[in-house]
Amino acid sequence: MHIEISITQQLLTLFDDLGTVRARYSISTAANGIGCMKDSGCTPLGKHIIRAKIGTAATRNTVFVGRRPTGELYTPELHANHPSRDWILTRILWLSGTEVGFNRLGNVDTMQRYIYIHGTPDSTELGKPGSHGCIRMANDDIIELFDLVNVGTSVNIYLE
């Protein structure tokens, strides 16, 4: 399995080992565009791997802060009480860059930037940039993807 993420198309595609498309998902990447620099709020480009899977068997809409469940389930009322939160829901696939000096180590380290593929509120508009750097997915989609991939799965994020 491997994952290809198109920034231009706002699309995540999962391929099997023979190169056959297994699934396609609408996503949302960074509102600030592309970039690998720390504190940029951008989605990094290049070759990555899934370094960790977080949230196995968590209830849909489980809220995560610092990669830990808060004990909350996302609701519009919870959102109204915390309007500035960056909602990380349901599952987390934590990415690590593999290209030293480009998206790994130093001020460009994807993992140290806490870049994830994660669930988002159902009200989030997908198919257009809007995140703080991560790749947002619908909750049902991230549950499906999470169950199909393993730690070490390659993820290529590219512009086209």
N, C-alpha and C. Protein backbone atom coordinates (compact mmCIF):
# COMPACT_ATOMS: atom_id res chain seq x y z
N MET A 1 0.84 -1.19 0.00
CA MET A 1 0.00 0.00 0.00
C MET A 1 0.88 1.25 0.00
N HIS A 2 0.40 2.27 -0.68
CA HIS A 2 0.99 3.58 -0.54
C HIS A 2 -0.08 4.64 -0.83
N ILE A 3 0.19 5.84 -0.34
CA ILE A 3 -0.76 6.96 -0.43
C ILE A 3 -0.13 8.07 -1.27
N GLU A 4 -0.95 8.62 -2.16
CA GLU A 4 -0.56 9.81 -2.93
C GLU A 4 -1.56 10.92 -2.57
N ILE A 5 -1.04 12.11 -2.23
CA ILE A 5 -1.89 13.24 -1.87
C ILE A 5 -1.62 14.37 -2.84
N SER A 6 -2.65 14.77 -3.59
CA SER A 6 -2.54 15.87 -4.55
C SER A 6 -3.07 17.15 -3.90
N ILE A 7 -2.18 18.12 -3.75
CA ILE A 7 -2.58 19.42 -3.20
C ILE A 7 -3.55 20.12 -4.16
N THR A 8 -3.22 20.12 -5.45
CA THR A 8 -4.06 20.81 -6.45
C THR A 8 -5.46 20.23 -6.50
N GLN A 9 -5.57 18.90 -6.49
CA GLN A 9 -6.87 18.25 -6.58
C GLN A 9 -7.55 18.08 -5.23
N GLN A 10 -6.81 18.33 -4.12
CA GLN A 10 -7.34 18.11 -2.77
C GLN A 10 -7.91 16.70 -2.68
N LEU A 11 -7.04 15.74 -3.04
CA LEU A 11 -7.45 14.35 -3.16
C LEU A 11 -6.36 13.43 -2.59
N LEU A 12 -6.78 12.47 -1.77
CA LEU A 12 -5.90 11.43 -1.26
C LEU A 12 -6.28 10.13 -1.95
N THR A 13 -5.30 9.46 -2.54
CA THR A 13 -5.54 8.20 -3.23
C THR A 13 -4.70 7.11 -2.57
N LEU A 14 -5.34 6.00 -2.25
CA LEU A 14 -4.68 4.84 -1.69
C LEU A 14 -4.51 3.79 -2.78
N PHE A 15 -3.27 3.33 -2.96
CA PHE A 15 -2.94 2.31 -3.95
C PHE A 15 -2.51 1.04 -3.23
N ASP A 16 -2.83 -0.12 -3.82
CA ASP A 16 -2.31 -1.37 -3.28
C ASP A 16 -0.92 -1.61 -3.83
N ASP A 17 -0.32 -2.73 -3.46
CA ASP A 17 1.07 -3.01 -3.86
C ASP A 17 1.25 -3.23 -5.36
N LEU A 18 0.15 -3.48 -6.08
CA LEU A 18 0.22 -3.65 -7.54
C LEU A 18 -0.05 -2.35 -8.28
N GLY A 19 -0.30 -1.27 -7.52
CA GLY A 19 -0.56 0.03 -8.14
C GLY A 19 -2.01 0.27 -8.49
N THR A 20 -2.89 -0.60 -8.03
CA THR A 20 -4.33 -0.45 -8.27
C THR A 20 -4.92 0.50 -7.23
N VAL A 21 -5.78 1.41 -7.67
CA VAL A 21 -6.44 2.32 -6.75
C VAL A 21 -7.39 1.53 -5.85
N ARG A 22 -7.19 1.65 -4.55
CA ARG A 22 -8.07 1.01 -3.56
C ARG A 22 -9.16 1.95 -3.08
N ALA A 23 -8.80 3.25 -2.98
CA ALA A 23 -9.77 4.22 -2.47
C ALA A 23 -9.30 5.63 -2.82
N ARG A 24 -10.27 6.52 -2.93
CA ARG A 24 -10.00 7.96 -3.14
C ARG A 24 -10.85 8.74 -2.16
N TYR A 25 -10.25 9.80 -1.60
CA TYR A 25 -10.94 10.59 -0.59
C TYR A 25 -10.72 12.08 -0.84
N SER A 26 -11.76 12.85 -0.68
CA SER A 26 -11.66 14.31 -0.69
C SER A 26 -11.01 14.74 0.62
N ILE A 27 -10.10 15.71 0.55
CA ILE A 27 -9.36 16.17 1.72
C ILE A 27 -9.33 17.69 1.76
N SER A 28 -8.71 18.20 2.81
CA SER A 28 -8.41 19.62 2.91
C SER A 28 -7.01 19.77 3.44
N THR A 29 -6.16 20.46 2.69
CA THR A 29 -4.79 20.75 3.11
C THR A 29 -4.73 22.18 3.63
N ALA A 30 -3.54 22.70 3.85
CA ALA A 30 -3.35 23.98 4.54
C ALA A 30 -3.89 25.19 3.80
N ALA A 31 -4.58 26.04 4.53
CA ALA A 31 -5.03 27.33 4.01
C ALA A 31 -3.83 28.19 3.62
N ASN A 32 -2.69 27.99 4.30
CA ASN A 32 -1.48 28.78 4.01
C ASN A 32 -0.69 28.24 2.82
N GLY A 33 -1.16 27.17 2.20
CA GLY A 33 -0.48 26.62 1.03
C GLY A 33 0.54 25.55 1.40
N ILE A 34 1.54 25.41 0.53
CA ILE A 34 2.54 24.36 0.72
C ILE A 34 3.82 24.94 1.28
N GLY A 35 4.52 24.11 2.06
CA GLY A 35 5.79 24.51 2.62
C GLY A 35 6.19 23.59 3.73
N CYS A 36 7.47 23.49 3.96
CA CYS A 36 7.99 22.54 4.94
C CYS A 36 8.54 23.21 6.20
N MET A 37 8.59 24.54 6.23
CA MET A 37 9.21 25.24 7.36
C MET A 37 8.36 25.15 8.63
N LYS A 38 9.05 25.00 9.74
CA LYS A 38 8.43 24.99 11.06
C LYS A 38 7.63 26.29 11.25
N ASP A 39 6.49 26.18 11.89
CA ASP A 39 5.60 27.31 12.22
C ASP A 39 5.02 28.02 11.00
N SER A 40 5.08 27.40 9.82
CA SER A 40 4.55 28.03 8.61
C SER A 40 3.04 27.85 8.48
N GLY A 41 2.49 26.83 9.11
CA GLY A 41 1.08 26.52 8.92
C GLY A 41 0.79 25.98 7.54
N CYS A 42 1.82 25.48 6.87
CA CYS A 42 1.69 24.96 5.50
C CYS A 42 1.74 23.44 5.51
N THR A 43 1.21 22.84 4.44
CA THR A 43 1.31 21.40 4.25
C THR A 43 2.63 21.09 3.56
N PRO A 44 3.42 20.16 4.15
CA PRO A 44 4.72 19.84 3.56
C PRO A 44 4.58 18.96 2.32
N LEU A 45 5.49 19.14 1.40
CA LEU A 45 5.56 18.31 0.21
C LEU A 45 6.55 17.17 0.42
N GLY A 46 6.54 16.23 -0.53
CA GLY A 46 7.57 15.21 -0.57
C GLY A 46 7.15 13.86 -0.02
N LYS A 47 8.19 13.04 0.16
CA LYS A 47 8.00 11.66 0.59
C LYS A 47 7.98 11.56 2.11
N HIS A 48 6.97 10.85 2.60
CA HIS A 48 6.76 10.65 4.03
C HIS A 48 6.42 9.19 4.28
N ILE A 49 6.37 8.85 5.55
CA ILE A 49 5.80 7.58 5.98
C ILE A 49 4.83 7.85 7.12
N ILE A 50 3.93 6.89 7.34
CA ILE A 50 3.10 6.96 8.53
C ILE A 50 3.96 6.46 9.68
N ARG A 51 4.28 7.35 10.61
CA ARG A 51 5.15 7.02 11.74
C ARG A 51 4.35 6.40 12.89
N ALA A 52 3.08 6.83 13.05
CA ALA A 52 2.27 6.30 14.15
C ALA A 52 0.80 6.37 13.77
N LYS A 53 0.05 5.40 14.28
CA LYS A 53 -1.41 5.37 14.16
C LYS A 53 -1.98 5.56 15.56
N ILE A 54 -2.83 6.57 15.70
CA ILE A 54 -3.35 6.93 17.02
C ILE A 54 -4.88 6.95 16.96
N GLY A 55 -5.50 6.29 17.92
CA GLY A 55 -6.96 6.33 18.02
C GLY A 55 -7.66 5.05 17.63
N THR A 56 -6.92 3.95 17.58
CA THR A 56 -7.53 2.66 17.23
C THR A 56 -8.78 2.45 18.08
N ALA A 57 -9.91 2.17 17.43
CA ALA A 57 -11.19 1.88 18.09
C ALA A 57 -11.80 3.06 18.84
N ALA A 58 -11.25 4.27 18.66
CA ALA A 58 -11.87 5.44 19.28
C ALA A 58 -13.25 5.66 18.66
N THR A 59 -14.16 6.17 19.45
CA THR A 59 -15.49 6.50 18.96
C THR A 59 -15.39 7.60 17.92
N ARG A 60 -16.22 7.52 16.88
CA ARG A 60 -16.28 8.58 15.87
C ARG A 60 -16.50 9.91 16.58
N ASN A 61 -15.78 10.95 16.15
CA ASN A 61 -15.84 12.30 16.72
C ASN A 61 -15.11 12.45 18.05
N THR A 62 -14.30 11.45 18.45
CA THR A 62 -13.44 11.62 19.62
C THR A 62 -12.52 12.81 19.36
N VAL A 63 -12.39 13.69 20.35
CA VAL A 63 -11.54 14.87 20.25
C VAL A 63 -10.15 14.53 20.78
N PHE A 64 -9.12 14.89 20.00
CA PHE A 64 -7.73 14.69 20.41
C PHE A 64 -7.06 16.05 20.57
N VAL A 65 -6.29 16.18 21.64
CA VAL A 65 -5.42 17.33 21.85
C VAL A 65 -4.06 16.76 22.26
N GLY A 66 -3.02 17.17 21.58
CA GLY A 66 -1.70 16.61 21.86
C GLY A 66 -1.66 15.11 21.64
N ARG A 67 -2.43 14.62 20.66
CA ARG A 67 -2.50 13.21 20.29
C ARG A 67 -3.14 12.34 21.37
N ARG A 68 -3.80 12.94 22.32
CA ARG A 68 -4.48 12.19 23.37
C ARG A 68 -5.97 12.53 23.35
N PRO A 69 -6.82 11.51 23.56
CA PRO A 69 -8.25 11.80 23.63
C PRO A 69 -8.55 12.64 24.86
N THR A 70 -9.40 13.64 24.68
CA THR A 70 -9.74 14.54 25.79
C THR A 70 -10.89 14.00 26.63
N GLY A 71 -11.57 12.95 26.14
CA GLY A 71 -12.77 12.47 26.81
C GLY A 71 -14.02 13.11 26.24
N GLU A 72 -13.84 14.04 25.29
CA GLU A 72 -14.96 14.73 24.67
C GLU A 72 -15.30 14.09 23.33
N LEU A 73 -16.54 14.22 22.92
CA LEU A 73 -16.96 13.92 21.56
C LEU A 73 -17.38 15.24 20.94
N TYR A 74 -16.94 15.46 19.70
CA TYR A 74 -17.25 16.71 19.02
C TYR A 74 -18.74 16.87 18.81
N THR A 75 -19.25 18.05 19.12
CA THR A 75 -20.63 18.45 18.82
C THR A 75 -20.59 19.92 18.43
N PRO A 76 -21.60 20.40 17.73
CA PRO A 76 -21.65 21.84 17.43
C PRO A 76 -21.62 22.69 18.70
N GLU A 77 -22.21 22.19 19.79
CA GLU A 77 -22.21 22.93 21.06
C GLU A 77 -20.79 23.03 21.63
N LEU A 78 -20.03 21.92 21.54
CA LEU A 78 -18.65 21.94 22.00
C LEU A 78 -17.84 22.93 21.16
N HIS A 79 -18.08 22.93 19.86
CA HIS A 79 -17.40 23.88 18.98
C HIS A 79 -17.72 25.32 19.39
N ALA A 80 -18.98 25.59 19.70
CA ALA A 80 -19.38 26.95 20.10
C ALA A 80 -18.66 27.37 21.39
N ASN A 81 -18.38 26.40 22.27
CA ASN A 81 -17.67 26.71 23.52
C ASN A 81 -16.17 26.87 23.32
N HIS A 82 -15.64 26.34 22.21
CA HIS A 82 -14.19 26.41 21.92
C HIS A 82 -14.00 26.77 20.43
N PRO A 83 -14.41 27.97 20.03
CA PRO A 83 -14.42 28.30 18.60
C PRO A 83 -13.05 28.37 17.94
N SER A 84 -11.98 28.54 18.71
CA SER A 84 -10.65 28.68 18.08
C SER A 84 -9.86 27.37 18.05
N ARG A 85 -10.43 26.28 18.53
CA ARG A 85 -9.73 25.00 18.52
C ARG A 85 -9.54 24.49 17.10
N ASP A 86 -8.38 23.87 16.86
CA ASP A 86 -8.14 23.15 15.61
C ASP A 86 -8.60 21.72 15.87
N TRP A 87 -9.75 21.34 15.34
CA TRP A 87 -10.39 20.09 15.69
C TRP A 87 -9.71 18.90 15.03
N ILE A 88 -9.12 18.05 15.85
CA ILE A 88 -8.48 16.81 15.40
C ILE A 88 -9.33 15.69 15.97
N LEU A 89 -10.02 14.99 15.08
CA LEU A 89 -11.05 14.04 15.51
C LEU A 89 -10.80 12.62 15.00
N THR A 90 -11.33 11.66 15.73
CA THR A 90 -11.58 10.27 15.35
C THR A 90 -10.34 9.40 15.23
N ARG A 91 -9.40 9.72 14.37
CA ARG A 91 -8.15 8.96 14.17
C ARG A 91 -7.05 9.93 13.74
N ILE A 92 -5.81 9.53 14.02
CA ILE A 92 -4.63 10.31 13.61
C ILE A 92 -3.63 9.36 12.95
N LEU A 93 -3.17 9.74 11.76
CA LEU A 93 -2.02 9.11 11.11
C LEU A 93 -0.91 10.16 11.14
N TRP A 94 0.08 9.96 12.00
CA TRP A 94 1.15 10.94 12.20
C TRP A 94 2.23 10.70 11.16
N LEU A 95 2.54 11.73 10.39
CA LEU A 95 3.49 11.62 9.29
C LEU A 95 4.91 12.00 9.71
N SER A 96 5.87 11.35 9.06
CA SER A 96 7.29 11.67 9.23
C SER A 96 7.91 11.79 7.85
N GLY A 97 8.60 12.90 7.61
CA GLY A 97 9.30 13.08 6.35
C GLY A 97 10.46 12.10 6.22
N THR A 98 10.83 11.80 4.99
CA THR A 98 11.95 10.88 4.75
C THR A 98 13.09 11.54 3.98
N GLU A 99 12.94 12.81 3.65
CA GLU A 99 13.94 13.51 2.83
C GLU A 99 14.69 14.52 3.70
N VAL A 100 15.87 14.12 4.17
CA VAL A 100 16.67 14.95 5.07
C VAL A 100 16.94 16.31 4.43
N GLY A 101 16.68 17.36 5.22
CA GLY A 101 16.90 18.73 4.77
C GLY A 101 15.72 19.32 4.01
N PHE A 102 14.79 18.47 3.60
CA PHE A 102 13.60 18.95 2.87
C PHE A 102 12.34 18.84 3.73
N ASN A 103 12.11 17.66 4.32
CA ASN A 103 10.96 17.48 5.21
C ASN A 103 11.31 16.63 6.44
N ARG A 104 12.61 16.47 6.67
CA ARG A 104 13.08 15.70 7.83
C ARG A 104 14.27 16.41 8.47
N LEU A 105 14.23 16.50 9.79
CA LEU A 105 15.26 17.11 10.63
C LEU A 105 15.28 18.64 10.50
N GLY A 106 15.92 19.28 11.44
CA GLY A 106 16.04 20.74 11.44
C GLY A 106 14.71 21.45 11.49
N ASN A 107 14.64 22.58 10.80
CA ASN A 107 13.43 23.43 10.79
C ASN A 107 12.38 22.99 9.78
N VAL A 108 12.57 21.81 9.18
CA VAL A 108 11.62 21.34 8.17
C VAL A 108 11.07 19.95 8.52
N ASP A 109 11.18 19.54 9.77
CA ASP A 109 10.82 18.18 10.16
C ASP A 109 9.30 18.01 10.30
N THR A 110 8.72 17.25 9.38
CA THR A 110 7.27 17.03 9.36
C THR A 110 6.77 16.46 10.68
N MET A 111 7.46 15.49 11.23
CA MET A 111 7.00 14.87 12.48
C MET A 111 7.06 15.87 13.64
N GLN A 112 8.14 16.64 13.74
CA GLN A 112 8.25 17.63 14.81
C GLN A 112 7.26 18.78 14.63
N ARG A 113 6.74 18.92 13.41
CA ARG A 113 5.71 19.93 13.15
C ARG A 113 4.31 19.39 13.47
N TYR A 114 4.22 18.10 13.84
CA TYR A 114 2.94 17.47 14.18
C TYR A 114 1.97 17.53 13.01
N ILE A 115 2.44 17.07 11.85
CA ILE A 115 1.59 17.01 10.66
C ILE A 115 0.94 15.63 10.61
N TYR A 116 -0.40 15.64 10.57
CA TYR A 116 -1.19 14.41 10.59
C TYR A 116 -2.13 14.35 9.40
N ILE A 117 -2.62 13.16 9.15
CA ILE A 117 -3.86 12.94 8.41
C ILE A 117 -4.86 12.62 9.51
N HIS A 118 -5.95 13.38 9.60
CA HIS A 118 -6.87 13.19 10.73
C HIS A 118 -8.30 13.54 10.34
N GLY A 119 -9.22 13.12 11.20
CA GLY A 119 -10.63 13.43 11.01
C GLY A 119 -10.92 14.88 11.38
N THR A 120 -12.05 15.36 10.87
CA THR A 120 -12.46 16.75 11.06
C THR A 120 -13.97 16.81 11.24
N PRO A 121 -14.51 17.89 11.80
CA PRO A 121 -15.96 17.96 11.95
C PRO A 121 -16.69 17.76 10.61
N ASP A 122 -17.87 17.15 10.68
CA ASP A 122 -18.66 16.91 9.47
C ASP A 122 -18.99 18.20 8.73
N SER A 123 -19.01 19.32 9.46
CA SER A 123 -19.32 20.61 8.85
C SER A 123 -18.15 21.22 8.08
N THR A 124 -16.95 20.65 8.21
CA THR A 124 -15.77 21.17 7.52
C THR A 124 -15.90 20.95 6.03
N GLU A 125 -15.66 21.99 5.26
CA GLU A 125 -15.70 21.86 3.80
C GLU A 125 -14.41 21.22 3.31
N LEU A 126 -14.56 20.07 2.67
CA LEU A 126 -13.42 19.39 2.08
C LEU A 126 -13.34 19.73 0.61
N GLY A 127 -12.20 19.37 -0.03
CA GLY A 127 -12.04 19.67 -1.44
C GLY A 127 -11.43 21.04 -1.70
N LYS A 128 -11.07 21.74 -0.62
CA LYS A 128 -10.39 23.02 -0.76
C LYS A 128 -9.51 23.23 0.47
N PRO A 129 -8.41 23.98 0.33
CA PRO A 129 -7.51 24.20 1.45
C PRO A 129 -8.24 24.88 2.62
N GLY A 130 -7.86 24.51 3.84
CA GLY A 130 -8.47 25.12 5.01
C GLY A 130 -7.82 24.74 6.33
N SER A 131 -6.88 23.79 6.32
CA SER A 131 -6.29 23.32 7.57
C SER A 131 -5.15 24.23 8.02
N HIS A 132 -4.56 23.85 9.15
CA HIS A 132 -3.39 24.56 9.69
C HIS A 132 -2.09 23.88 9.29
N GLY A 133 -2.16 22.98 8.31
CA GLY A 133 -0.97 22.27 7.83
C GLY A 133 -1.22 20.78 7.64
N CYS A 134 -2.12 20.23 8.44
CA CYS A 134 -2.45 18.81 8.35
C CYS A 134 -3.32 18.51 7.14
N ILE A 135 -3.59 17.24 6.95
CA ILE A 135 -4.52 16.78 5.91
C ILE A 135 -5.79 16.34 6.62
N ARG A 136 -6.85 17.08 6.41
CA ARG A 136 -8.15 16.78 7.03
C ARG A 136 -8.94 15.85 6.14
N MET A 137 -9.67 14.93 6.80
CA MET A 137 -10.54 13.98 6.09
C MET A 137 -11.86 13.87 6.83
N ALA A 138 -12.89 13.45 6.11
CA ALA A 138 -14.17 13.13 6.75
C ALA A 138 -13.94 11.99 7.74
N ASN A 139 -14.68 11.97 8.82
CA ASN A 139 -14.47 10.97 9.87
C ASN A 139 -14.65 9.55 9.38
N ASP A 140 -15.68 9.28 8.60
CA ASP A 140 -15.88 7.92 8.09
C ASP A 140 -14.72 7.52 7.18
N ASP A 141 -14.19 8.49 6.43
CA ASP A 141 -13.07 8.21 5.53
C ASP A 141 -11.79 7.90 6.29
N ILE A 142 -11.51 8.67 7.36
CA ILE A 142 -10.27 8.41 8.11
C ILE A 142 -10.36 7.08 8.84
N ILE A 143 -11.54 6.69 9.28
CA ILE A 143 -11.70 5.37 9.92
C ILE A 143 -11.37 4.28 8.90
N GLU A 144 -11.92 4.42 7.69
CA GLU A 144 -11.66 3.42 6.65
C GLU A 144 -10.18 3.36 6.29
N LEU A 145 -9.58 4.53 6.03
CA LEU A 145 -8.16 4.58 5.66
C LEU A 145 -7.29 4.02 6.78
N PHE A 146 -7.56 4.41 8.00
CA PHE A 146 -6.79 3.97 9.17
C PHE A 146 -6.73 2.45 9.23
N ASP A 147 -7.85 1.81 8.94
CA ASP A 147 -7.91 0.35 9.00
C ASP A 147 -7.22 -0.33 7.81
N LEU A 148 -6.95 0.41 6.75
CA LEU A 148 -6.33 -0.17 5.55
C LEU A 148 -4.81 -0.03 5.51
N VAL A 149 -4.26 0.89 6.30
CA VAL A 149 -2.82 1.17 6.23
C VAL A 149 -2.11 0.73 7.50
N ASN A 150 -0.79 0.61 7.39
CA ASN A 150 0.05 0.24 8.52
C ASN A 150 1.07 1.33 8.80
N VAL A 151 1.64 1.30 10.00
CA VAL A 151 2.80 2.14 10.28
C VAL A 151 3.86 1.77 9.25
N GLY A 152 4.51 2.76 8.68
CA GLY A 152 5.52 2.54 7.65
C GLY A 152 5.00 2.72 6.23
N THR A 153 3.66 2.81 6.07
CA THR A 153 3.09 3.05 4.73
C THR A 153 3.64 4.36 4.18
N SER A 154 4.07 4.34 2.91
CA SER A 154 4.61 5.55 2.30
C SER A 154 3.48 6.50 1.90
N VAL A 155 3.77 7.79 2.03
CA VAL A 155 2.82 8.86 1.70
C VAL A 155 3.60 9.91 0.90
N ASN A 156 3.16 10.15 -0.32
CA ASN A 156 3.79 11.16 -1.16
C ASN A 156 2.83 12.33 -1.30
N ILE A 157 3.28 13.52 -0.88
CA ILE A 157 2.45 14.73 -0.99
C ILE A 157 3.07 15.60 -2.09
N TYR A 158 2.26 15.90 -3.10
CA TYR A 158 2.78 16.63 -4.24
C TYR A 158 1.79 17.70 -4.67
N LEU A 159 2.26 18.65 -5.46
CA LEU A 159 1.45 19.80 -5.85
C LEU A 159 0.38 19.43 -6.85
N GLU A 160 0.71 18.75 -7.94
CA GLU A 160 -0.23 18.51 -9.03
C GLU A 160 -1.34 17.71 -8.50
